[in-house]
């Protein structure tokens, strides 16, 4: 039996009408994604839970923004995600065209903050996991 079990994120129903479940590393990734996309104050019983990435949306997309985002994410992961060992947090403020998602246009390259979290599950340290997220920002 997997040690970590929880609801899939984003929330989805199974064909039977039940909430879809995740387990293991998939659940850890879903929980990290929830942490990153939750603003502090959104959870009434956990008002400090989350990362205030929305605060960065209208800031210039530069190295200062990268440092702010990295520190905010590192602090939140340290506080709320004791199940993993963070190896690296990569923040990218400038994308070249080949790295863009197929839905992004060329004009979007300067308006995306890329986040990649590289971690290991202490229960299986031989496998390095990663979670990627792209956040739209002003672009400066």
Protein backbone atom coordinates (compact mmCIF):
# COMPACT_ATOMS: atom_id res chain seq x y z
CA UNK A 1 0.00 0.00 0.00
CA UNK A 2 1.29 3.46 -0.88
CA UNK A 3 2.21 5.69 2.01
CA UNK A 4 0.65 8.86 0.52
CA UNK A 5 -2.95 8.82 -0.66
CA UNK A 6 -5.19 11.76 -1.45
CA UNK A 7 -7.40 13.52 -3.94
CA UNK A 8 -6.08 14.14 -7.41
CA UNK A 9 -5.35 17.78 -8.22
CA UNK A 10 -6.94 19.37 -10.09
CA UNK A 11 -10.04 17.73 -8.69
CA UNK A 12 -11.69 15.27 -11.07
CA UNK A 13 -14.41 12.65 -10.87
CA UNK A 14 -14.06 9.04 -11.93
CA UNK A 15 -16.62 7.54 -14.34
CA UNK A 16 -18.36 6.15 -11.24
CA UNK A 17 -18.84 9.71 -9.93
CA UNK A 18 -16.26 9.41 -7.14
CA UNK A 19 -13.41 11.83 -6.60
CA UNK A 20 -10.24 10.62 -8.37
CA UNK A 21 -7.40 9.61 -6.06
CA UNK A 22 -3.61 9.77 -6.32
CA UNK A 23 -0.98 7.93 -4.36
CA UNK A 24 2.77 7.93 -3.80
CA UNK A 25 4.87 10.48 -5.67
CA UNK A 26 1.89 11.52 -7.82
CA UNK A 27 0.13 12.62 -4.64
CA UNK A 28 3.22 14.47 -3.42
CA UNK A 29 3.39 16.36 -6.74
CA UNK A 30 -0.32 17.18 -6.51
CA UNK A 31 0.16 18.48 -2.97
CA UNK A 32 3.15 20.64 -3.98
CA UNK A 33 1.11 22.03 -6.87
CA UNK A 34 -1.74 22.87 -4.47
CA UNK A 35 0.74 24.59 -2.17
CA UNK A 36 2.15 26.69 -5.03
CA UNK A 37 -1.28 27.68 -6.37
CA UNK A 38 -2.84 28.52 -3.00
CA UNK A 39 -2.62 32.08 -1.72
CA UNK A 40 -1.99 32.47 2.02
CA UNK A 41 -5.34 33.20 3.67
CA UNK A 42 -7.42 31.08 1.27
CA UNK A 43 -7.65 28.16 3.68
CA UNK A 44 -9.56 29.28 6.74
CA UNK A 45 -8.14 26.65 9.08
CA UNK A 46 -4.59 27.07 7.70
CA UNK A 47 -4.27 30.82 7.02
CA UNK A 48 -0.48 30.67 6.49
CA UNK A 49 -0.67 27.79 3.97
CA UNK A 50 0.35 28.66 0.42
CA UNK A 51 2.76 30.72 -1.63
CA UNK A 52 1.83 34.26 -2.59
CA UNK A 53 2.88 33.90 -6.25
CA UNK A 54 -0.03 36.11 -7.32
CA UNK A 55 1.79 39.00 -5.68
CA UNK A 56 4.47 38.63 -8.36
CA UNK A 57 2.17 38.66 -11.40
CA UNK A 58 2.55 42.38 -12.16
CA UNK A 59 6.24 42.65 -11.27
CA UNK A 60 8.93 42.98 -13.97
CA UNK A 61 10.13 39.54 -15.05
CA UNK A 62 13.79 39.83 -14.09
CA UNK A 63 16.40 38.32 -11.77
CA UNK A 64 14.89 40.10 -8.74
CA UNK A 65 11.60 38.35 -9.43
CA UNK A 66 13.44 35.03 -9.78
CA UNK A 67 15.08 35.49 -6.36
CA UNK A 68 11.79 36.50 -4.72
CA UNK A 69 9.93 33.52 -6.18
CA UNK A 70 12.70 31.06 -5.26
CA UNK A 71 12.76 32.27 -1.65
CA UNK A 72 8.96 32.23 -1.30
CA UNK A 73 8.77 28.69 -2.68
CA UNK A 74 11.70 27.42 -0.59
CA UNK A 75 10.16 28.84 2.61
CA UNK A 76 6.75 27.31 1.87
CA UNK A 77 8.16 23.90 0.98
CA UNK A 78 10.27 23.87 4.12
CA UNK A 79 7.24 24.68 6.25
CA UNK A 80 4.52 22.61 4.58
CA UNK A 81 6.15 19.71 2.74
CA UNK A 82 8.27 17.60 5.11
CA UNK A 83 7.79 14.47 2.95
CA UNK A 84 10.40 15.47 0.38
CA UNK A 85 14.01 16.55 0.22
CA UNK A 86 14.37 19.49 -2.13
CA UNK A 87 17.43 19.16 -4.36
CA UNK A 88 16.96 22.36 -6.35
CA UNK A 89 14.45 25.09 -7.15
CA UNK A 90 15.02 26.50 -10.64
CA UNK A 91 13.31 29.76 -11.56
CA UNK A 92 13.51 31.00 -15.14
CA UNK A 93 12.41 34.50 -16.13
CA UNK A 94 13.47 34.30 -19.75
CA UNK A 95 12.45 31.50 -22.09
CA UNK A 96 13.80 30.89 -25.54
CA UNK A 97 11.20 30.04 -28.18
CA UNK A 98 11.92 26.29 -28.15
CA UNK A 99 11.06 26.03 -24.44
CA UNK A 100 7.59 27.55 -24.77
CA UNK A 101 4.48 25.45 -24.32
CA UNK A 102 2.68 24.79 -27.59
CA UNK A 103 -0.17 27.07 -26.44
CA UNK A 104 2.16 30.05 -25.87
CA UNK A 105 2.94 32.57 -28.57
CA UNK A 106 6.35 34.09 -29.26
CA UNK A 107 5.26 37.28 -27.50
CA UNK A 108 4.72 35.25 -24.31
CA UNK A 109 8.41 34.38 -23.86
CA UNK A 110 9.15 37.42 -21.69
CA UNK A 111 5.94 37.12 -19.70
CA UNK A 112 6.36 33.65 -18.20
CA UNK A 113 8.02 32.72 -14.92
CA UNK A 114 9.16 29.10 -15.11
CA UNK A 115 9.34 27.08 -11.90
CA UNK A 116 11.00 23.68 -11.66
CA UNK A 117 11.29 21.89 -8.34
CA UNK A 118 13.65 18.92 -8.23
CA UNK A 119 13.18 16.66 -5.23
CA UNK A 120 13.49 13.15 -3.88
CA UNK A 121 11.12 11.14 -1.75
CA UNK A 122 13.15 10.03 1.31
CA UNK A 123 11.48 6.62 0.96
CA UNK A 124 13.03 6.23 -2.53
CA UNK A 125 16.14 8.40 -2.79
CA UNK A 126 17.31 6.69 -5.97
CA UNK A 127 14.61 8.40 -8.06
CA UNK A 128 14.85 12.13 -8.70
CA UNK A 129 11.44 13.71 -9.28
CA UNK A 130 10.58 17.08 -10.77
CA UNK A 131 7.55 19.32 -10.93
CA UNK A 132 7.29 22.13 -13.50
CA UNK A 133 4.95 25.10 -13.48
CA UNK A 134 4.71 28.20 -15.67
CA UNK A 135 3.23 31.36 -14.17
CA UNK A 136 2.17 34.35 -16.33
CA UNK A 137 3.78 37.62 -15.23
CA UNK A 138 4.01 41.20 -16.48
CA UNK A 139 7.17 40.62 -18.46
CA UNK A 140 8.89 43.91 -17.64
